Amino acid sequence: MKKELIEALFAQFEQARYDHKGIECWSARELQEILGYLQWKNFLKVIEKAKNACESSGVAISDHFADISKMISLGKGGKRELEDIALTRYACYLIAQNGDSQKAPIAFAQTYFAVQTRKQEIIEKRLLDIDRINAREKLSQSEKVLSGILYERGVDEKGFASIRSKGDQALFGGFNTRDMKKKLQVPDNRPLADFLPTLTIKAKDLATELTNHNVVEKNLEGESSITEEHVDNNSAVRKILVERGVKPETLPPAEDVDKVKRRIEKKDEHALNQGIRKEE
């Protein structure tokens, strides 16, 4: 997510925040627009899911979803009463969790409402961490698909490891998986990707997705032909990176992605528990 978009979304969520009976709240009507829901009835469905999640957590729905109404101006000086809902931070968080995180406003909202402090730089850092976690999970899925394809085509686990290492060798300019783990001081029992920066993880994922597609499309069989395909795809991805001034083997290691994930989960749980207690 670009810095400019983060700044714009931060401003929108801050401007929509108001005080309702001494509690920090957001208008459901305003949140609907910010999150990109065109119709109120569709947004109400998401709110209902959030209410169910609230109830399942043992928290009173009425403490976080308050039915209210407000007057809106019509043409020629007329006014009309419009139903609305005052949402606490916790309610907004549950709504965001039930939205499509592929949409930038919802991905931002998931972080904005989970973080008690409203400092933009903290939100931006968390979004970058989440992007890396999501990229790592996406790579795991791509590699799982590749493993299944290879098994169907007569390649065992040992062959899969060899193909992946040779692909790494092409991507990292001659360094295979073992070399890169040594270079980045990755423990022997941990995957290399858990310690790679987001850009490199996404590069590996792109090369793997290309291999998945082409192995099926070209109907490749056996370890030799599939290895060649995977090496070609990693070489192509490397070429793009190098042309843009990035040599993946020179990038510093990133924090263990499992530690990042645990830290975020722990902070979210703590922040939301604090938020619930403050609002009760």
Protein backbone atom coordinates (compact mmCIF):
# COMPACT_ATOMS: atom_id res chain seq x y z
CA MET A 1 0.00 0.00 0.00
CA LYS A 2 1.48 3.34 -1.09
CA LYS A 3 2.29 6.01 1.47
CA GLU A 4 -0.01 8.51 -0.25
CA LEU A 5 -2.97 6.13 0.03
CA ILE A 6 -2.19 5.43 3.69
CA GLU A 7 -2.13 9.18 4.40
CA ALA A 8 -5.46 9.71 2.61
CA LEU A 9 -7.20 6.82 4.39
CA PHE A 10 -5.75 7.88 7.74
CA ALA A 11 -7.24 11.35 7.28
CA GLN A 12 -10.66 9.94 6.32
CA PHE A 13 -10.89 7.65 9.34
CA GLU A 14 -9.72 10.43 11.68
CA GLN A 15 -12.28 12.87 10.31
CA ALA A 16 -15.09 10.33 10.67
CA ARG A 17 -14.31 9.77 14.37
CA TYR A 18 -16.64 11.50 16.86
CA ASP A 19 -17.84 11.33 20.46
CA HIS A 20 -21.10 9.50 21.20
CA LYS A 21 -22.16 9.64 24.85
CA GLY A 22 -18.53 9.96 25.93
CA ILE A 23 -17.31 7.07 23.78
CA GLU A 24 -15.10 7.25 20.69
CA CYS A 25 -17.30 6.14 17.77
CA TRP A 26 -17.67 6.09 14.00
CA SER A 27 -20.86 6.51 11.98
CA ALA A 28 -21.81 3.36 10.07
CA ARG A 29 -23.04 5.54 7.21
CA GLU A 30 -19.69 7.28 6.91
CA LEU A 31 -17.77 4.04 7.35
CA GLN A 32 -19.82 2.51 4.54
CA GLU A 33 -18.57 5.15 2.12
CA ILE A 34 -14.94 4.99 3.27
CA LEU A 35 -14.84 1.20 2.93
CA GLY A 36 -16.29 1.37 -0.57
CA TYR A 37 -19.73 -0.19 -0.04
CA LEU A 38 -22.11 1.39 -2.54
CA GLN A 39 -25.37 0.24 -0.95
CA TRP A 40 -26.43 0.50 2.67
CA LYS A 41 -28.21 -2.87 2.55
CA ASN A 42 -24.99 -4.62 1.53
CA PHE A 43 -23.07 -2.94 4.33
CA LEU A 44 -25.75 -4.00 6.81
CA LYS A 45 -24.98 -7.63 5.94
CA VAL A 46 -21.36 -7.08 6.97
CA ILE A 47 -22.50 -5.36 10.17
CA GLU A 48 -24.67 -8.38 11.00
CA LYS A 49 -21.68 -10.69 10.63
CA ALA A 50 -19.71 -8.40 12.92
CA LYS A 51 -22.52 -8.49 15.50
CA ASN A 52 -22.50 -12.29 15.40
CA ALA A 53 -18.74 -12.29 15.95
CA CYS A 54 -19.20 -9.88 18.85
CA GLU A 55 -21.83 -12.10 20.45
CA SER A 56 -19.68 -15.22 19.91
CA SER A 57 -16.88 -13.49 21.82
CA GLY A 58 -19.17 -13.09 24.82
CA VAL A 59 -19.39 -9.31 24.43
CA ALA A 60 -22.71 -7.47 24.55
CA ILE A 61 -23.70 -6.23 21.09
CA SER A 62 -25.49 -3.21 22.53
CA ASP A 63 -22.22 -1.96 24.05
CA HIS A 64 -20.64 -1.57 20.62
CA PHE A 65 -23.47 -1.17 18.08
CA ALA A 66 -25.86 1.65 19.02
CA ASP A 67 -28.85 2.31 16.74
CA ILE A 68 -29.20 6.04 16.16
CA SER A 69 -30.70 8.36 13.58
CA LYS A 70 -29.70 11.65 12.07
CA MET A 71 -31.34 14.30 9.94
CA ILE A 72 -30.07 14.86 6.43
CA SER A 73 -30.80 17.84 4.21
CA LEU A 74 -32.87 17.40 1.06
CA GLY A 75 -33.54 19.76 -1.80
CA LYS A 76 -35.54 22.95 -1.23
CA GLY A 77 -34.76 23.03 2.48
CA GLY A 78 -36.39 19.71 3.31
CA LYS A 79 -34.98 17.19 5.78
CA ARG A 80 -35.29 13.46 6.29
CA GLU A 81 -34.47 11.16 9.20
CA LEU A 82 -31.88 8.53 8.31
CA GLU A 83 -31.13 5.42 10.32
CA ASP A 84 -27.52 5.01 11.40
CA ILE A 85 -25.40 3.02 13.85
CA ALA A 86 -22.79 4.41 16.24
CA LEU A 87 -19.89 1.96 16.12
CA THR A 88 -17.14 1.65 18.72
CA ARG A 89 -13.56 0.93 17.71
CA TYR A 90 -14.14 -2.74 18.52
CA ALA A 91 -17.27 -2.85 16.35
CA CYS A 92 -15.40 -1.22 13.47
CA TYR A 93 -12.59 -3.74 13.85
CA LEU A 94 -15.06 -6.64 13.62
CA ILE A 95 -16.64 -5.08 10.54
CA ALA A 96 -13.24 -4.71 8.89
CA GLN A 97 -12.39 -8.32 9.71
CA ASN A 98 -15.52 -9.43 7.85
CA GLY A 99 -14.61 -7.44 4.73
CA ASP A 100 -12.45 -8.23 1.72
CA SER A 101 -8.86 -7.52 2.84
CA GLN A 102 -7.76 -7.38 -0.81
CA LYS A 103 -9.46 -3.97 -0.94
CA ALA A 104 -7.10 -1.25 0.27
CA PRO A 105 -9.60 0.64 2.52
CA ILE A 106 -10.58 -2.58 4.32
CA ALA A 107 -6.98 -3.75 4.73
CA PHE A 108 -6.18 -0.34 6.18
CA ALA A 109 -9.23 -0.43 8.47
CA GLN A 110 -8.20 -3.79 9.91
CA THR A 111 -5.01 -2.18 11.14
CA TYR A 112 -6.42 1.26 12.02
CA PHE A 113 -9.04 -0.16 14.37
CA ALA A 114 -6.72 -2.78 15.89
CA VAL A 115 -4.08 -0.23 16.88
CA GLN A 116 -5.10 1.85 19.86
CA THR A 117 -2.64 4.65 19.13
CA ARG A 118 -3.50 6.74 16.09
CA LYS A 119 0.08 7.49 15.06
CA GLN A 120 0.28 7.11 11.30
CA GLU A 121 3.83 5.70 11.29
CA ILE A 122 2.80 2.83 13.60
CA ILE A 123 -0.11 1.97 11.34
CA GLU A 124 2.13 2.14 8.27
CA LYS A 125 4.71 -0.22 9.87
CA ARG A 126 2.02 -2.72 10.81
CA LEU A 127 0.60 -2.69 7.28
CA LEU A 128 4.05 -3.47 5.90
CA ASP A 129 4.38 -6.37 8.36
CA ILE A 130 0.98 -7.73 7.34
CA ASP A 131 1.90 -7.42 3.67
CA ARG A 132 4.96 -9.57 4.32
CA ILE A 133 2.96 -12.16 6.27
CA ASN A 134 0.38 -12.36 3.47
CA ALA A 135 3.12 -12.67 0.84
CA ARG A 136 4.71 -15.53 2.78
CA GLU A 137 1.39 -17.35 3.09
CA LYS A 138 0.76 -16.85 -0.63
CA LEU A 139 4.17 -18.35 -1.47
CA SER A 140 3.43 -21.34 0.76
CA GLN A 141 0.21 -21.95 -1.17
CA SER A 142 1.95 -21.63 -4.53
CA GLU A 143 4.64 -24.08 -3.47
CA LYS A 144 2.00 -26.48 -2.16
CA VAL A 145 0.30 -26.39 -5.57
CA LEU A 146 3.64 -26.98 -7.29
CA SER A 147 4.38 -29.93 -5.02
CA GLY A 148 1.04 -31.49 -5.96
CA ILE A 149 1.64 -30.94 -9.67
CA LEU A 150 5.10 -32.48 -9.43
CA TYR A 151 3.81 -35.52 -7.55
CA GLU A 152 1.30 -36.14 -10.34
CA ARG A 153 4.17 -35.99 -12.84
CA GLY A 154 6.48 -38.44 -11.17
CA VAL A 155 8.63 -36.10 -9.06
CA ASP A 156 9.10 -37.00 -5.38
CA GLU A 157 9.88 -34.74 -2.40
CA LYS A 158 13.61 -34.99 -2.98
CA GLY A 159 13.13 -33.94 -6.60
CA PHE A 160 10.90 -31.04 -5.51
CA ALA A 161 13.61 -29.81 -3.11
CA SER A 162 16.18 -30.00 -5.91
CA ILE A 163 13.94 -28.08 -8.33
CA ARG A 164 13.26 -25.39 -5.76
CA SER A 165 16.96 -25.03 -4.90
CA LYS A 166 17.95 -24.69 -8.55
CA GLY A 167 15.22 -22.11 -8.98
CA ASP A 168 16.69 -20.20 -6.02
CA GLN A 169 20.11 -20.45 -7.63
CA ALA A 170 18.75 -18.74 -10.74
CA LEU A 171 16.93 -16.07 -8.73
CA PHE A 172 19.84 -15.31 -6.39
CA GLY A 173 22.57 -15.05 -9.03
CA GLY A 174 24.28 -18.39 -8.40
CA PHE A 175 23.44 -18.87 -4.71
CA ASN A 176 21.29 -21.95 -4.13
CA THR A 177 18.97 -22.41 -1.16
CA ARG A 178 21.69 -23.74 1.12
CA ASP A 179 24.04 -20.91 0.16
CA MET A 180 21.40 -18.26 0.85
CA LYS A 181 20.49 -19.77 4.22
CA LYS A 182 24.15 -19.64 5.20
CA LYS A 183 24.50 -16.09 3.87
CA LEU A 184 21.46 -14.85 5.79
CA GLN A 185 22.18 -17.02 8.86
CA VAL A 186 18.89 -18.87 8.59
CA PRO A 187 18.57 -21.89 10.94
CA ASP A 188 18.89 -25.24 9.13
CA ASN A 189 15.42 -26.34 10.24
CA ARG A 190 13.63 -23.22 8.94
CA PRO A 191 12.55 -22.29 5.39
CA LEU A 192 14.64 -19.61 3.68
CA ALA A 193 11.49 -17.65 2.76
CA ASP A 194 10.67 -17.03 6.44
CA PHE A 195 13.65 -14.65 6.60
CA LEU A 196 13.40 -12.97 3.20
CA PRO A 197 12.14 -9.40 2.68
CA THR A 198 8.70 -8.94 1.12
CA LEU A 199 10.04 -8.11 -2.34
CA THR A 200 12.03 -11.33 -2.57
CA ILE A 201 9.15 -13.43 -1.26
CA LYS A 202 6.89 -12.00 -3.95
CA ALA A 203 9.58 -12.61 -6.57
CA LYS A 204 9.79 -16.28 -5.56
CA ASP A 205 6.02 -16.52 -5.62
CA LEU A 206 5.78 -15.06 -9.12
CA ALA A 207 8.38 -17.51 -10.45
CA THR A 208 6.57 -20.42 -8.76
CA GLU A 209 3.19 -19.36 -10.15
CA LEU A 210 4.71 -19.20 -13.64
CA THR A 211 6.08 -22.71 -13.20
CA ASN A 212 2.72 -23.99 -11.97
CA HIS A 213 1.02 -22.55 -15.03
CA ASN A 214 3.58 -23.62 -17.61
CA VAL A 215 4.09 -27.16 -16.35
CA VAL A 216 0.38 -27.79 -16.88
CA GLU A 217 0.09 -25.69 -20.04
CA LYS A 218 3.10 -27.36 -21.69
CA ASN A 219 2.26 -30.76 -20.18
CA LEU A 220 5.82 -31.18 -18.86
CA GLU A 221 6.80 -34.49 -17.31
CA GLY A 222 9.78 -35.55 -15.17
CA GLU A 223 12.28 -33.71 -13.03
CA SER A 224 14.63 -32.58 -15.80
CA SER A 225 12.12 -30.68 -17.96
CA ILE A 226 10.35 -29.15 -14.96
CA THR A 227 13.67 -28.04 -13.46
CA GLU A 228 14.52 -26.27 -16.71
CA GLU A 229 11.16 -24.53 -16.69
CA HIS A 230 11.51 -23.41 -13.07
CA VAL A 231 15.05 -22.14 -13.64
CA ASP A 232 13.91 -20.18 -16.70
CA ASN A 233 11.09 -18.54 -14.74
CA ASN A 234 13.35 -17.57 -11.85
CA SER A 235 15.92 -16.22 -14.30
CA ALA A 236 13.22 -14.11 -15.96
CA VAL A 237 12.06 -12.70 -12.62
CA ARG A 238 15.67 -11.98 -11.64
CA LYS A 239 16.21 -10.12 -14.90
CA ILE A 240 13.30 -7.80 -14.09
CA LEU A 241 14.68 -7.13 -10.60
CA VAL A 242 18.23 -6.48 -11.79
CA GLU A 243 16.98 -4.13 -14.51
CA ARG A 244 15.26 -2.15 -11.75
CA GLY A 245 18.47 -2.02 -9.70
CA VAL A 246 17.65 -4.86 -7.28
CA LYS A 247 19.90 -7.87 -6.74
CA PRO A 248 17.93 -10.16 -4.39
CA GLU A 249 21.05 -11.88 -3.00
CA THR A 250 22.31 -8.53 -1.66
CA LEU A 251 19.16 -7.63 0.29
CA PRO A 252 19.51 -7.98 4.07
CA PRO A 253 17.53 -10.65 5.94
CA ALA A 254 14.19 -9.72 7.46
CA GLU A 255 12.84 -10.62 10.88
CA ASP A 256 11.54 -14.16 11.27
CA VAL A 257 8.03 -13.95 9.79
CA ASP A 258 6.66 -16.25 12.50
CA LYS A 259 7.83 -13.82 15.19
CA VAL A 260 6.25 -10.92 13.32
CA LYS A 261 2.95 -12.78 13.10
CA ARG A 262 2.96 -13.69 16.81
CA ARG A 263 3.81 -10.11 17.80
CA ILE A 264 0.96 -8.67 15.75
CA GLU A 265 -1.54 -11.19 17.09
CA LYS A 266 -0.46 -10.48 20.67
CA LYS A 267 -0.64 -6.70 20.23
CA ASP A 268 -4.03 -6.92 18.53
CA GLU A 269 -5.46 -9.04 21.32
CA HIS A 270 -4.09 -6.69 23.98
CA ALA A 271 -5.28 -3.53 22.19
CA LEU A 272 -8.76 -4.85 21.53
CA ASN A 273 -9.15 -6.11 25.10
CA GLN A 274 -8.15 -2.65 26.31
CA GLY A 275 -10.63 -1.08 23.92
CA ILE A 276 -13.46 -3.30 25.10
CA ARG A 277 -12.75 -2.49 28.75
CA LYS A 278 -12.59 1.25 28.07
CA GLU A 279 -15.92 1.20 26.26
CA GLU A 280 -17.81 -0.91 28.79
